[in-house]
Protein backbone atom coordinates (compact mmCIF):
# COMPACT_ATOMS: atom_id res chain seq x y z
CA MET A 1 -125.86 205.83 37.25
CA ASP A 2 -129.46 206.94 37.62
CA LEU A 3 -132.00 205.88 34.98
CA PRO A 4 -134.29 208.86 34.17
CA LYS A 5 -137.98 208.03 34.58
CA LYS A 6 -138.76 209.09 31.03
CA LYS A 7 -136.77 206.05 29.86
CA TRP A 8 -138.47 203.54 32.17
CA SER A 9 -140.13 200.50 30.65
CA GLU A 10 -143.84 199.93 31.24
CA ASP A 11 -143.05 197.01 33.55
CA LEU A 12 -141.01 199.30 35.80
CA LYS A 13 -143.76 201.90 35.86
CA LEU A 14 -146.40 199.33 36.86
CA ILE A 15 -144.54 197.86 39.86
CA LYS A 16 -146.36 198.28 43.18
CA PRO A 17 -145.37 199.71 45.60
CA SER A 18 -143.93 202.06 43.02
CA VAL A 19 -140.19 202.28 42.42
CA GLU A 20 -138.91 205.81 43.00
CA ARG A 21 -135.60 205.51 41.19
CA VAL A 22 -133.42 202.96 39.43
CA LEU A 23 -129.67 203.09 39.89
CA TYR A 24 -127.49 200.87 37.77
CA LYS A 25 -124.08 199.67 36.67
CA GLY A 26 -123.54 197.96 33.34
CA ASN A 27 -125.72 197.66 30.25
CA ILE A 28 -129.04 199.37 31.01
CA ASP A 29 -130.38 198.33 27.60
CA LEU A 30 -131.01 194.86 29.08
CA LEU A 31 -133.69 196.37 31.28
CA LEU A 32 -135.31 198.34 28.47
CA ASP A 33 -135.19 196.00 25.47
CA ASP A 34 -137.94 193.61 24.39
CA ALA A 35 -135.97 190.38 24.91
CA PRO A 36 -137.90 187.89 27.08
CA LYS A 37 -136.88 187.99 30.74
CA LEU A 38 -137.09 185.07 33.14
CA ALA A 39 -136.64 185.47 36.89
CA VAL A 40 -134.96 182.43 38.44
CA VAL A 41 -135.30 182.41 42.23
CA GLY A 42 -134.98 179.93 45.06
CA SER A 43 -133.27 178.79 48.20
CA ARG A 44 -130.01 180.15 49.54
CA ARG A 45 -129.39 176.56 50.66
CA MET A 46 -129.56 175.12 47.17
CA SER A 47 -129.21 171.35 46.88
CA ASP A 48 -127.29 169.46 44.20
CA TYR A 49 -130.68 168.68 42.67
CA GLY A 50 -131.49 172.41 42.33
CA LYS A 51 -128.11 173.14 40.78
CA SER A 52 -128.49 170.31 38.29
CA VAL A 53 -131.81 171.79 37.11
CA ILE A 54 -130.15 175.16 36.49
CA ASP A 55 -127.17 173.55 34.75
CA LYS A 56 -129.38 171.47 32.48
CA TRP A 57 -132.03 174.07 31.59
CA MET A 58 -129.96 177.23 31.28
CA PRO A 59 -128.48 176.50 27.80
CA THR A 60 -132.01 176.21 26.38
CA PHE A 61 -133.04 179.53 27.91
CA ILE A 62 -129.95 181.26 26.54
CA GLN A 63 -130.44 179.77 23.07
CA LYS A 64 -133.89 181.38 23.08
CA GLY A 65 -132.41 184.80 23.81
CA ILE A 66 -133.83 184.97 27.32
CA THR A 67 -132.31 187.41 29.83
CA ILE A 68 -132.02 185.85 33.30
CA VAL A 69 -133.12 187.99 36.26
CA SER A 70 -132.31 187.22 39.89
CA GLY A 71 -131.37 188.76 43.22
CA PHE A 72 -127.60 188.10 43.53
CA MET A 73 -127.88 186.20 46.82
CA TYR A 74 -125.91 182.99 47.32
CA GLY A 75 -127.61 179.75 46.39
CA VAL A 76 -130.06 179.65 43.48
CA ASP A 77 -129.74 183.37 42.65
CA GLN A 78 -125.99 183.48 42.15
CA THR A 79 -125.95 180.08 40.48
CA ALA A 80 -128.51 181.32 37.95
CA HIS A 81 -126.39 184.41 37.21
CA LYS A 82 -123.18 182.38 36.99
CA VAL A 83 -124.48 179.56 34.78
CA CYS A 84 -126.20 182.10 32.54
CA LEU A 85 -122.89 183.87 31.92
CA GLU A 86 -121.03 180.58 31.45
CA ASN A 87 -123.46 179.79 28.62
CA GLY A 88 -122.92 183.15 26.93
CA GLY A 89 -126.16 184.70 28.16
CA ARG A 90 -127.04 188.07 29.65
CA THR A 91 -128.26 188.58 33.20
CA ILE A 92 -129.79 191.29 35.41
CA ALA A 93 -128.86 191.26 39.11
CA VAL A 94 -131.30 193.18 41.31
CA LEU A 95 -129.62 194.15 44.58
CA GLY A 96 -131.29 194.42 47.97
CA TRP A 97 -128.72 196.99 49.14
CA GLY A 98 -127.11 200.24 48.01
CA ILE A 99 -125.74 200.33 44.48
CA ASP A 100 -122.27 201.34 45.70
CA ARG A 101 -122.02 198.96 48.66
CA LYS A 102 -119.02 196.65 48.37
CA VAL A 103 -120.00 193.00 48.04
CA ALA A 104 -118.40 190.19 50.03
CA ALA A 105 -115.06 188.92 48.79
CA ASP A 106 -116.62 185.61 47.72
CA ASP A 107 -119.11 187.49 45.52
CA GLU A 108 -116.70 189.97 43.94
CA LYS A 109 -115.65 187.74 41.03
CA LEU A 110 -119.25 187.19 39.89
CA TYR A 111 -120.09 190.87 40.43
CA GLN A 112 -117.24 191.98 38.20
CA LYS A 113 -117.99 189.29 35.62
CA ILE A 114 -121.55 190.62 35.24
CA LEU A 115 -120.15 194.05 34.41
CA GLU A 116 -117.39 192.74 32.15
CA VAL A 117 -119.74 190.82 29.84
CA ASN A 118 -122.16 193.68 29.24
CA SER A 119 -124.79 192.52 31.72
CA LEU A 120 -126.51 194.64 34.36
CA ILE A 121 -126.67 195.36 38.10
CA VAL A 122 -129.55 197.49 39.41
CA SER A 123 -130.80 198.78 42.75
CA GLU A 124 -133.30 201.34 43.94
CA TYR A 125 -131.07 202.18 46.89
CA GLU A 126 -128.35 204.82 46.87
CA GLY A 127 -124.82 204.67 48.15
CA GLU A 128 -123.66 202.01 50.58
CA LEU A 129 -126.99 201.22 52.26
CA GLU A 130 -126.83 197.82 53.95
CA GLY A 131 -129.38 195.15 53.07
CA SER A 132 -132.05 194.54 55.74
CA VAL A 133 -135.25 192.65 56.50
CA TRP A 134 -137.22 195.25 54.55
CA THR A 135 -134.94 195.96 51.59
CA PHE A 136 -134.87 192.35 50.38
CA PRO A 137 -138.66 191.93 50.11
CA GLN A 138 -138.78 195.34 48.40
CA ARG A 139 -136.11 194.12 45.98
CA ASN A 140 -138.25 191.08 45.15
CA ARG A 141 -141.03 193.23 43.67
CA ILE A 142 -138.54 194.54 41.09
CA VAL A 143 -137.38 191.00 40.25
CA ALA A 144 -140.99 189.93 39.66
CA GLY A 145 -141.97 193.20 38.03
CA ILE A 146 -139.35 193.34 35.28
CA ALA A 147 -139.57 189.62 34.45
CA ASP A 148 -141.98 188.11 31.95
CA ALA A 149 -142.22 184.98 34.10
CA VAL A 150 -140.90 183.69 37.42
CA LEU A 151 -139.32 180.24 37.88
CA VAL A 152 -138.95 178.95 41.45
CA ILE A 153 -136.29 176.31 42.04
CA GLU A 154 -136.42 175.10 45.66
CA ALA A 155 -137.93 177.36 48.32
CA ALA A 156 -138.51 176.64 52.00
CA GLU A 157 -141.84 177.44 53.66
CA LYS A 158 -140.66 180.88 54.78
CA SER A 159 -138.38 181.61 51.84
CA GLY A 160 -138.14 185.11 50.40
CA SER A 161 -138.66 183.46 47.03
CA LEU A 162 -142.30 182.92 48.01
CA ILE A 163 -142.64 186.71 48.26
CA THR A 164 -141.40 186.95 44.68
CA ALA A 165 -143.87 184.20 43.72
CA ARG A 166 -146.78 186.05 45.33
CA LEU A 167 -145.79 189.27 43.58
CA ALA A 168 -145.58 187.48 40.24
CA LYS A 169 -149.20 186.41 40.66
CA MET A 170 -150.17 189.93 41.72
CA PHE A 171 -148.51 191.40 38.64
CA GLY A 172 -150.15 188.84 36.35
CA LYS A 173 -146.87 187.13 35.43
CA PRO A 174 -146.66 183.37 34.74
CA LEU A 175 -145.42 181.53 37.83
CA VAL A 176 -143.77 178.14 37.35
CA ALA A 177 -142.01 175.88 39.81
CA VAL A 178 -139.85 172.78 39.81
CA PRO A 179 -141.19 169.96 42.01
CA GLY A 180 -138.79 169.40 44.88
CA LEU A 181 -137.71 166.29 46.73
CA VAL A 182 -140.27 165.51 49.46
CA THR A 183 -137.42 164.81 51.87
CA ASN A 184 -135.95 168.29 51.39
CA LYS A 185 -137.30 170.95 53.76
CA GLY A 186 -135.76 173.51 51.43
CA ALA A 187 -138.36 172.57 48.83
CA GLU A 188 -141.47 172.55 51.03
CA GLY A 189 -142.50 176.03 49.91
CA THR A 190 -142.08 175.13 46.25
CA ASN A 191 -144.11 171.94 46.61
CA ASN A 192 -146.85 173.86 48.41
CA LEU A 193 -147.05 176.32 45.51
CA LEU A 194 -147.70 173.36 43.24
CA LYS A 195 -150.04 171.54 45.61
CA THR A 196 -152.25 174.60 46.05
CA GLY A 197 -152.28 175.40 42.34
CA LYS A 198 -150.52 178.74 42.74
CA ALA A 199 -147.74 177.73 40.35
CA VAL A 200 -147.60 175.58 37.25
CA MET A 201 -145.37 172.53 37.56
CA VAL A 202 -142.53 172.37 35.04
CA THR A 203 -140.21 169.43 34.51
CA SER A 204 -138.23 170.69 31.51
CA ALA A 205 -136.89 173.91 30.06
CA GLU A 206 -139.27 173.47 27.13
CA GLU A 207 -142.25 173.58 29.50
CA VAL A 208 -140.97 176.87 30.91
CA LEU A 209 -140.72 178.26 27.38
CA ALA A 210 -144.28 177.14 26.66
CA GLU A 211 -145.58 178.97 29.74
CA MET A 212 -143.75 182.09 28.52
CA GLY A 213 -145.41 181.82 25.12
CA LEU A 214 -142.14 181.15 23.35
CA GLY A 215 -142.68 178.71 20.51
CA SER A 216 -140.20 176.92 18.31
CA GLY A 217 -137.79 179.37 16.72
CA GLN A 218 -139.40 182.35 18.45
CA MET A 219 -137.10 184.85 20.17
CA LYS A 220 -139.57 187.39 21.56
CA MET A 221 -142.59 187.24 23.81
CA LYS A 222 -145.84 186.26 22.11
CA PHE A 223 -148.75 188.58 22.92
C-alpha cells in the first residue's frame, strides 16, 4: 500500500534527499506513532560477539517499548529483526528493493513473521525493482531518518552501516556504537567511529537508553 503524504511523520518529511513515496506492508502505525525507535545496523558478516550483544540487549529495549528499525539484510540487520520479534517486540524493516519483490527462500520465514505479528515492511521503490549499489545507500537514509537513535554493532571500514552512521549525524540523531574486537576486520569501521569521536561508545543496553533520553520507567522519548 501507498502511504499518503498528508499522513507522513515529521521525521519522514525531513529526510534528505527527500523521500517521494512510502510503500508498505503490515502495520503502518509503527511508522507514525510516538514510540521510541532505535535503528540497529551492522555487518552482514556478523560475529558471535555481535550476535551475543543483540541477544543480551534486545530484551531491555523491548521492555522499554522501543521499536527496532533495520534494513532486512543478512547479518546484524536480520538478527535484530528476529531477536526483536522473539522477545515480543515490534520491528520496521526498510527494504532496499521493490516492495513486491520476492525475497530469497532463506529470508521468507522472517519476512512473513514480521507481517504476522503486526510489524512493518516499508520501501520507497515500487514493484519488483531489484536492489542495487544505489538503492541500498538510499534505503539507509530512511533507516536513519525514522529512527530516534542509531546503534552500530560491528561495521567494516567500507560498510554500508557507516553511511547510516553518517546520515544519523547529519540528521542530528544520537549515534552510538559497540566497541569491536581489535582482531576483527569486520569491526574496524565501528572502532574508527569511536576513535574519532563520531559515535558514543556504549557497553550496555542501559547506556543506549541513556543516550536516547529514556530514563527509568519512561516509555517515550524525552524532549
